[in-house]
Structures are given as structure tokens and as C-alpha cells.
Amino acid sequence: MFATTLMCISPKSGSFDETWAKLDADTEHPNEHPMPRGLRDMHYKHSEEITGGGLIDSPFASPHQITQQNYMPKGLAGRQYYQPKDNQNERKLGEQYFKLHRYIYGEDYPD
């Protein structure tokens, strides 16, 4: 009950819905945008041979447990999906998100 109450009174915006709509439009046909090798499923026998999956760099051996490698599917690099709304919570989240993007990709989030 407490968790439901917290969800009801928590600040909200339409950012998630807008982000999801952009992602959904770009991934309507997933075969057009294959995932980077390091993010492909590799939990079952012969998955590396079937999907080509496997970690490129282990995030657990890296600072902040995140590697500086491509996480975007082929053909979607450089696309901007999340745009924070102009409220206190999303400005803070946006700052963290943009710092993380700069750390991973070595460049600012595209405008």
C-alpha cells in the first residue's frame, strides 16, 4: 500500500512516454538495427555461435561498473531519445544522464 501511495504522489512528466514513442518508432523492425555484440543474449549453450553474443568489455572490471563502449544498436548511434522536462527532478536526472553519456561515449549528448 505504501509503495502505491508513493507512486501516486511522486512527481511525473511525459518524458518516459515521449522517449518510448521515439524508441518504438526506431525499432519497429529490430532486424534493421542489430544489437552490439556485447549486448546480445549469451545465457544458453551455443549462444555465442548462434547470436554472436558475448561481452566486449566486462563492466565489472571498469570504474563505475560501466564500460566505455557502444551500447546503441547499429544505425541508431547519435540518436537523441531522452529530453528532460523543465522541473527540478528531471533537471537533476538529466544532468546525471548527460554525464553518464559523456563518460561512456566521450562526447556530449546530441542536441
C-alpha atoms as a PDB file:
ATOM      1  CA  MET A   1       0.000   0.000   0.000  1.00  0.00           C
ATOM      2  CA  PHE A   2       2.819   2.397   0.913  1.00  0.00           C
ATOM      3  CA  ALA A   3       4.613   1.844  -2.418  1.00  0.00           C
ATOM      4  CA  THR A   4       1.389   2.517  -4.321  1.00  0.00           C
ATOM      5  CA  THR A   5       0.883   5.755  -2.400  1.00  0.00           C
ATOM      6  CA  LEU A   6       4.452   6.842  -3.146  1.00  0.00           C
ATOM      7  CA  MET A   7       3.939   6.164  -6.846  1.00  0.00           C
ATOM      8  CA  CYS A   8       0.718   8.178  -6.853  1.00  0.00           C
ATOM      9  CA  ILE A   9       2.238  11.236  -5.199  1.00  0.00           C
ATOM     10  CA  SER A  10       5.640  11.126  -6.924  1.00  0.00           C
ATOM     11  CA  PRO A  11       6.450  13.851  -9.462  1.00  0.00           C
ATOM     12  CA  LYS A  12       5.643  12.823 -13.011  1.00  0.00           C
ATOM     13  CA  SER A  13       6.171  14.102 -16.508  1.00  0.00           C
ATOM     14  CA  GLY A  14       5.584  12.856 -20.018  1.00  0.00           C
ATOM     15  CA  SER A  15       9.290  12.198 -20.634  1.00  0.00           C
ATOM     16  CA  PHE A  16       9.008   8.432 -20.429  1.00  0.00           C
ATOM     17  CA  ASP A  17       6.095   8.295 -22.869  1.00  0.00           C
ATOM     18  CA  GLU A  18       7.877  10.602 -25.322  1.00  0.00           C
ATOM     19  CA  THR A  19      11.114   8.612 -25.063  1.00  0.00           C
ATOM     20  CA  TRP A  20       9.265   5.311 -25.505  1.00  0.00           C
ATOM     21  CA  ALA A  21       7.412   6.595 -28.577  1.00  0.00           C
ATOM     22  CA  LYS A  22      10.714   7.609 -30.241  1.00  0.00           C
ATOM     23  CA  LEU A  23      12.313   4.260 -29.393  1.00  0.00           C
ATOM     24  CA  ASP A  24       9.284   2.335 -30.569  1.00  0.00           C
ATOM     25  CA  ALA A  25       9.279   4.130 -33.919  1.00  0.00           C
ATOM     26  CA  ASP A  26      13.003   3.468 -34.481  1.00  0.00           C
ATOM     27  CA  THR A  27      12.797  -0.197 -33.517  1.00  0.00           C
ATOM     28  CA  GLU A  28       9.654  -1.240 -35.358  1.00  0.00           C
ATOM     29  CA  HIS A  29      11.760  -3.712 -37.334  1.00  0.00           C
ATOM     30  CA  PRO A  30      14.503  -4.897 -34.900  1.00  0.00           C
ATOM     31  CA  ASN A  31      16.436  -6.805 -37.580  1.00  0.00           C
ATOM     32  CA  GLU A  32      17.261  -3.449 -39.199  1.00  0.00           C
ATOM     33  CA  HIS A  33      19.132  -2.395 -36.049  1.00  0.00           C
ATOM     34  CA  PRO A  34      21.075  -5.353 -34.580  1.00  0.00           C
ATOM     35  CA  MET A  35      22.348  -5.002 -31.035  1.00  0.00           C
ATOM     36  CA  PRO A  36      26.078  -4.585 -30.427  1.00  0.00           C
ATOM     37  CA  ARG A  37      27.788  -7.948 -29.986  1.00  0.00           C
ATOM     38  CA  GLY A  38      28.449  -7.351 -26.300  1.00  0.00           C
ATOM     39  CA  LEU A  39      24.769  -6.905 -25.504  1.00  0.00           C
ATOM     40  CA  ARG A  40      23.445  -9.970 -27.291  1.00  0.00           C
ATOM     41  CA  ASP A  41      21.986 -12.831 -25.305  1.00  0.00           C
ATOM     42  CA  MET A  42      24.588 -15.345 -24.197  1.00  0.00           C
ATOM     43  CA  HIS A  43      22.980 -17.303 -21.371  1.00  0.00           C
ATOM     44  CA  TYR A  44      22.403 -20.606 -23.145  1.00  0.00           C
ATOM     45  CA  LYS A  45      24.562 -23.294 -24.742  1.00  0.00           C
ATOM     46  CA  HIS A  46      25.972 -22.354 -28.177  1.00  0.00           C
ATOM     47  CA  SER A  47      24.532 -18.831 -27.945  1.00  0.00           C
ATOM     48  CA  GLU A  48      27.846 -17.297 -28.982  1.00  0.00           C
ATOM     49  CA  GLU A  49      27.766 -19.307 -32.217  1.00  0.00           C
ATOM     50  CA  ILE A  50      24.073 -18.583 -32.816  1.00  0.00           C
ATOM     51  CA  THR A  51      23.815 -14.879 -31.919  1.00  0.00           C
ATOM     52  CA  GLY A  52      27.449 -13.824 -31.855  1.00  0.00           C
ATOM     53  CA  GLY A  53      26.830 -12.685 -28.293  1.00  0.00           C
ATOM     54  CA  GLY A  54      29.345 -12.042 -25.606  1.00  0.00           C
ATOM     55  CA  LEU A  55      30.785  -9.207 -23.594  1.00  0.00           C
ATOM     56  CA  ILE A  56      33.103  -6.902 -25.473  1.00  0.00           C
ATOM     57  CA  ASP A  57      34.440  -5.416 -22.241  1.00  0.00           C
ATOM     58  CA  SER A  58      33.351  -6.518 -18.787  1.00  0.00           C
ATOM     59  CA  PRO A  59      31.653  -3.656 -16.976  1.00  0.00           C
ATOM     60  CA  PHE A  60      32.607  -5.191 -13.628  1.00  0.00           C
ATOM     61  CA  ALA A  61      36.307  -4.551 -14.205  1.00  0.00           C
ATOM     62  CA  SER A  62      35.723  -0.897 -15.117  1.00  0.00           C
ATOM     63  CA  PRO A  63      35.365   2.215 -12.970  1.00  0.00           C
ATOM     64  CA  HIS A  64      31.719   2.853 -12.033  1.00  0.00           C
ATOM     65  CA  GLN A  65      30.947  -0.664 -13.395  1.00  0.00           C
ATOM     66  CA  ILE A  66      30.274   0.781 -16.856  1.00  0.00           C
ATOM     67  CA  THR A  67      32.461   0.321 -19.900  1.00  0.00           C
ATOM     68  CA  GLN A  68      33.225   2.925 -22.483  1.00  0.00           C
ATOM     69  CA  GLN A  69      31.801   1.024 -25.453  1.00  0.00           C
ATOM     70  CA  ASN A  70      28.858   1.245 -27.813  1.00  0.00           C
ATOM     71  CA  TYR A  71      25.501   0.357 -26.294  1.00  0.00           C
ATOM     72  CA  MET A  72      23.338   1.532 -29.211  1.00  0.00           C
ATOM     73  CA  PRO A  73      22.013  -0.784 -31.930  1.00  0.00           C
ATOM     74  CA  LYS A  74      23.507  -0.439 -35.407  1.00  0.00           C
ATOM     75  CA  GLY A  75      22.160   2.611 -37.215  1.00  0.00           C
ATOM     76  CA  LEU A  76      20.852   4.322 -34.079  1.00  0.00           C
ATOM     77  CA  ALA A  77      24.098   5.804 -32.721  1.00  0.00           C
ATOM     78  CA  GLY A  78      23.815   9.515 -32.140  1.00  0.00           C
ATOM     79  CA  ARG A  79      20.025   9.479 -31.830  1.00  0.00           C
ATOM     80  CA  GLN A  80      18.558  11.518 -29.002  1.00  0.00           C
ATOM     81  CA  TYR A  81      15.697   9.848 -27.168  1.00  0.00           C
ATOM     82  CA  TYR A  82      15.528  11.357 -23.679  1.00  0.00           C
ATOM     83  CA  GLN A  83      14.913  15.040 -23.187  1.00  0.00           C
ATOM     84  CA  PRO A  84      14.354  16.044 -19.554  1.00  0.00           C
ATOM     85  CA  LYS A  85      11.368  18.209 -18.722  1.00  0.00           C
ATOM     86  CA  ASP A  86      11.845  21.563 -17.018  1.00  0.00           C
ATOM     87  CA  ASN A  87      11.274  20.540 -13.416  1.00  0.00           C
ATOM     88  CA  GLN A  88      13.656  20.034 -10.512  1.00  0.00           C
ATOM     89  CA  ASN A  89      13.634  16.231 -10.526  1.00  0.00           C
ATOM     90  CA  GLU A  90      14.201  15.847 -14.241  1.00  0.00           C
ATOM     91  CA  ARG A  91      16.871  18.524 -14.389  1.00  0.00           C
ATOM     92  CA  LYS A  92      18.792  16.501 -11.770  1.00  0.00           C
ATOM     93  CA  LEU A  93      18.172  13.204 -13.590  1.00  0.00           C
ATOM     94  CA  GLY A  94      19.095  14.835 -16.911  1.00  0.00           C
ATOM     95  CA  GLU A  95      22.409  16.093 -15.519  1.00  0.00           C
ATOM     96  CA  GLN A  96      23.296  12.564 -14.353  1.00  0.00           C
ATOM     97  CA  TYR A  97      22.188  11.042 -17.651  1.00  0.00           C
ATOM     98  CA  PHE A  98      24.252  13.511 -19.699  1.00  0.00           C
ATOM     99  CA  LYS A  99      27.328  12.934 -17.510  1.00  0.00           C
ATOM    100  CA  LEU A 100      26.937   9.180 -17.973  1.00  0.00           C
ATOM    101  CA  HIS A 101      26.609   9.595 -21.750  1.00  0.00           C
ATOM    102  CA  ARG A 102      29.735  11.787 -21.823  1.00  0.00           C
ATOM    103  CA  TYR A 103      31.651   9.155 -19.796  1.00  0.00           C
ATOM    104  CA  ILE A 104      30.586   6.223 -21.984  1.00  0.00           C
ATOM    105  CA  TYR A 105      30.870   7.804 -25.424  1.00  0.00           C
ATOM    106  CA  GLY A 106      33.443  10.550 -24.785  1.00  0.00           C
ATOM    107  CA  GLU A 107      31.157  13.209 -26.242  1.00  0.00           C
ATOM    108  CA  ASP A 108      28.179  15.324 -25.261  1.00  0.00           C
ATOM    109  CA  TYR A 109      24.633  14.071 -25.737  1.00  0.00           C
ATOM    110  CA  PRO A 110      23.424  15.149 -29.192  1.00  0.00           C
ATOM    111  CA  ASP A 111      21.075  18.128 -29.448  1.00  0.00           C
END
